[in-house]
C-alpha atoms as a PDB file:
ATOM      1  CA  UNK A   1     124.937 -65.045 -96.911  1.00  0.00           C
ATOM      2  CA  UNK A   2     122.639 -64.724 -94.113  1.00  0.00           C
ATOM      3  CA  UNK A   3     118.963 -66.154 -94.506  1.00  0.00           C
ATOM      4  CA  UNK A   4     115.956 -65.756 -92.095  1.00  0.00           C
ATOM      5  CA  UNK A   5     114.319 -69.076 -92.083  1.00  0.00           C
ATOM      6  CA  UNK A   6     110.727 -70.223 -91.126  1.00  0.00           C
ATOM      7  CA  UNK A   7     110.319 -73.924 -90.451  1.00  0.00           C
ATOM      8  CA  UNK A   8     106.910 -75.008 -89.594  1.00  0.00           C
ATOM      9  CA  UNK A   9     106.475 -78.898 -88.831  1.00  0.00           C
ATOM     10  CA  UNK A  10     103.487 -80.990 -89.539  1.00  0.00           C
ATOM     11  CA  UNK A  11     105.214 -83.792 -87.715  1.00  0.00           C
ATOM     12  CA  UNK A  12     104.199 -83.913 -83.682  1.00  0.00           C
ATOM     13  CA  UNK A  13     107.324 -84.379 -82.033  1.00  0.00           C
ATOM     14  CA  UNK A  14     111.016 -83.638 -82.575  1.00  0.00           C
ATOM     15  CA  UNK A  15     113.309 -86.678 -82.323  1.00  0.00           C
ATOM     16  CA  UNK A  16     116.818 -86.756 -80.671  1.00  0.00           C
ATOM     17  CA  UNK A  17     118.339 -87.221 -84.193  1.00  0.00           C
ATOM     18  CA  UNK A  18     116.654 -83.417 -84.876  1.00  0.00           C
ATOM     19  CA  UNK A  19     118.435 -81.864 -81.864  1.00  0.00           C
ATOM     20  CA  UNK A  20     121.566 -83.892 -82.461  1.00  0.00           C
ATOM     21  CA  UNK A  21     121.722 -82.159 -86.117  1.00  0.00           C
ATOM     22  CA  UNK A  22     120.792 -78.726 -84.829  1.00  0.00           C
ATOM     23  CA  UNK A  23     123.567 -79.303 -82.275  1.00  0.00           C
ATOM     24  CA  UNK A  24     125.974 -80.103 -85.115  1.00  0.00           C
ATOM     25  CA  UNK A  25     124.895 -76.953 -87.273  1.00  0.00           C
ATOM     26  CA  UNK A  26     125.250 -74.560 -84.452  1.00  0.00           C
ATOM     27  CA  UNK A  27     128.675 -75.909 -83.931  1.00  0.00           C
ATOM     28  CA  UNK A  28     129.692 -75.501 -87.561  1.00  0.00           C
ATOM     29  CA  UNK A  29     128.212 -71.820 -87.558  1.00  0.00           C
ATOM     30  CA  UNK A  30     125.499 -72.662 -89.971  1.00  0.00           C
ATOM     31  CA  UNK A  31     122.781 -72.141 -87.535  1.00  0.00           C
ATOM     32  CA  UNK A  32     123.526 -68.889 -85.723  1.00  0.00           C
ATOM     33  CA  UNK A  33     120.293 -68.384 -83.699  1.00  0.00           C
ATOM     34  CA  UNK A  34     116.871 -70.148 -83.460  1.00  0.00           C
ATOM     35  CA  UNK A  35     113.781 -69.043 -81.793  1.00  0.00           C
ATOM     36  CA  UNK A  36     110.580 -70.890 -81.179  1.00  0.00           C
ATOM     37  CA  UNK A  37     107.089 -69.269 -81.650  1.00  0.00           C
ATOM     38  CA  UNK A  38     104.955 -69.995 -78.643  1.00  0.00           C
ATOM     39  CA  UNK A  39     101.905 -72.456 -79.099  1.00  0.00           C
ATOM     40  CA  UNK A  40     103.330 -73.469 -82.650  1.00  0.00           C
ATOM     41  CA  UNK A  41     105.338 -76.354 -83.858  1.00  0.00           C
ATOM     42  CA  UNK A  42     107.519 -74.457 -85.794  1.00  0.00           C
ATOM     43  CA  UNK A  43     110.633 -71.773 -85.429  1.00  0.00           C
ATOM     44  CA  UNK A  44     112.566 -68.979 -87.021  1.00  0.00           C
ATOM     45  CA  UNK A  45     116.423 -69.076 -87.421  1.00  0.00           C
ATOM     46  CA  UNK A  46     118.969 -66.971 -88.348  1.00  0.00           C
ATOM     47  CA  UNK A  47     121.319 -69.083 -90.687  1.00  0.00           C
ATOM     48  CA  UNK A  48     124.547 -68.742 -92.686  1.00  0.00           C
ATOM     49  CA  UNK A  49     125.411 -70.566 -96.008  1.00  0.00           C
ATOM     50  CA  UNK A  50     127.516 -69.808 -98.846  1.00  0.00           C
ATOM     51  CA  UNK A  51     124.453 -69.496-101.470  1.00  0.00           C
ATOM     52  CA  UNK A  52     120.729 -70.774-101.424  1.00  0.00           C
ATOM     53  CA  UNK A  53     121.972 -74.079-102.983  1.00  0.00           C
ATOM     54  CA  UNK A  54     124.212 -74.773 -99.682  1.00  0.00           C
ATOM     55  CA  UNK A  55     121.094 -73.648 -97.444  1.00  0.00           C
ATOM     56  CA  UNK A  56     118.581 -76.022 -99.142  1.00  0.00           C
ATOM     57  CA  UNK A  57     121.476 -78.862 -98.575  1.00  0.00           C
ATOM     58  CA  UNK A  58     121.733 -78.197 -94.924  1.00  0.00           C
ATOM     59  CA  UNK A  59     117.809 -77.635 -94.431  1.00  0.00           C
ATOM     60  CA  UNK A  60     117.095 -80.884 -96.041  1.00  0.00           C
ATOM     61  CA  UNK A  61     119.670 -82.909 -94.382  1.00  0.00           C
ATOM     62  CA  UNK A  62     117.364 -82.508 -91.051  1.00  0.00           C
ATOM     63  CA  UNK A  63     115.754 -85.538 -90.129  1.00  0.00           C
ATOM     64  CA  UNK A  64     112.188 -84.195 -90.011  1.00  0.00           C
ATOM     65  CA  UNK A  65     112.640 -82.752 -93.732  1.00  0.00           C
ATOM     66  CA  UNK A  66     109.558 -84.492 -95.082  1.00  0.00           C
ATOM     67  CA  UNK A  67     107.280 -83.117 -92.475  1.00  0.00           C
ATOM     68  CA  UNK A  68     108.684 -79.338 -92.848  1.00  0.00           C
ATOM     69  CA  UNK A  69     106.963 -76.547 -94.498  1.00  0.00           C
ATOM     70  CA  UNK A  70     109.986 -73.911 -95.414  1.00  0.00           C
ATOM     71  CA  UNK A  71     109.973 -70.507 -96.077  1.00  0.00           C
ATOM     72  CA  UNK A  72     113.305 -68.825 -96.699  1.00  0.00           C
ATOM     73  CA  UNK A  73     114.416 -65.070 -96.971  1.00  0.00           C
ATOM     74  CA  UNK A  74     117.647 -63.856 -98.149  1.00  0.00           C
ATOM     75  CA  UNK A  75     118.886 -61.036 -96.051  1.00  0.00           C
ATOM     76  CA  UNK A  76     121.236 -58.041 -96.892  1.00  0.00           C
ATOM     77  CA  UNK A  77     122.475 -55.647 -94.949  1.00  0.00           C
ATOM     78  CA  UNK A  78     120.370 -52.170 -94.233  1.00  0.00           C
ATOM     79  CA  UNK A  79     121.762 -48.696 -94.677  1.00  0.00           C
ATOM     80  CA  UNK A  80     121.288 -47.715 -91.007  1.00  0.00           C
ATOM     81  CA  UNK A  81     122.314 -50.974 -89.365  1.00  0.00           C
ATOM     82  CA  UNK A  82     124.086 -49.656 -86.078  1.00  0.00           C
ATOM     83  CA  UNK A  83     127.074 -52.086 -86.250  1.00  0.00           C
ATOM     84  CA  UNK A  84     128.023 -55.834 -86.203  1.00  0.00           C
ATOM     85  CA  UNK A  85     125.966 -58.356 -84.299  1.00  0.00           C
ATOM     86  CA  UNK A  86     127.567 -59.845 -81.305  1.00  0.00           C
END
């Protein structure tokens, strides 16, 4: 499944542990893409997981989990999707 995830962080700094964990998730294919919203302490990310339970386990494994406010949107194919993403 694909999920569009918005994470807002109330903690002022992202640690090296957070960057290391993000690199691990990208290498495993769980973290597909991530975008920063300029001027905000948060991001939007496209994530793959087998189901919502697996996604929760992945997100809650992040070192800054205690300082995160997370919104998750499950995604499905649109009937006019032009084709597979690169």
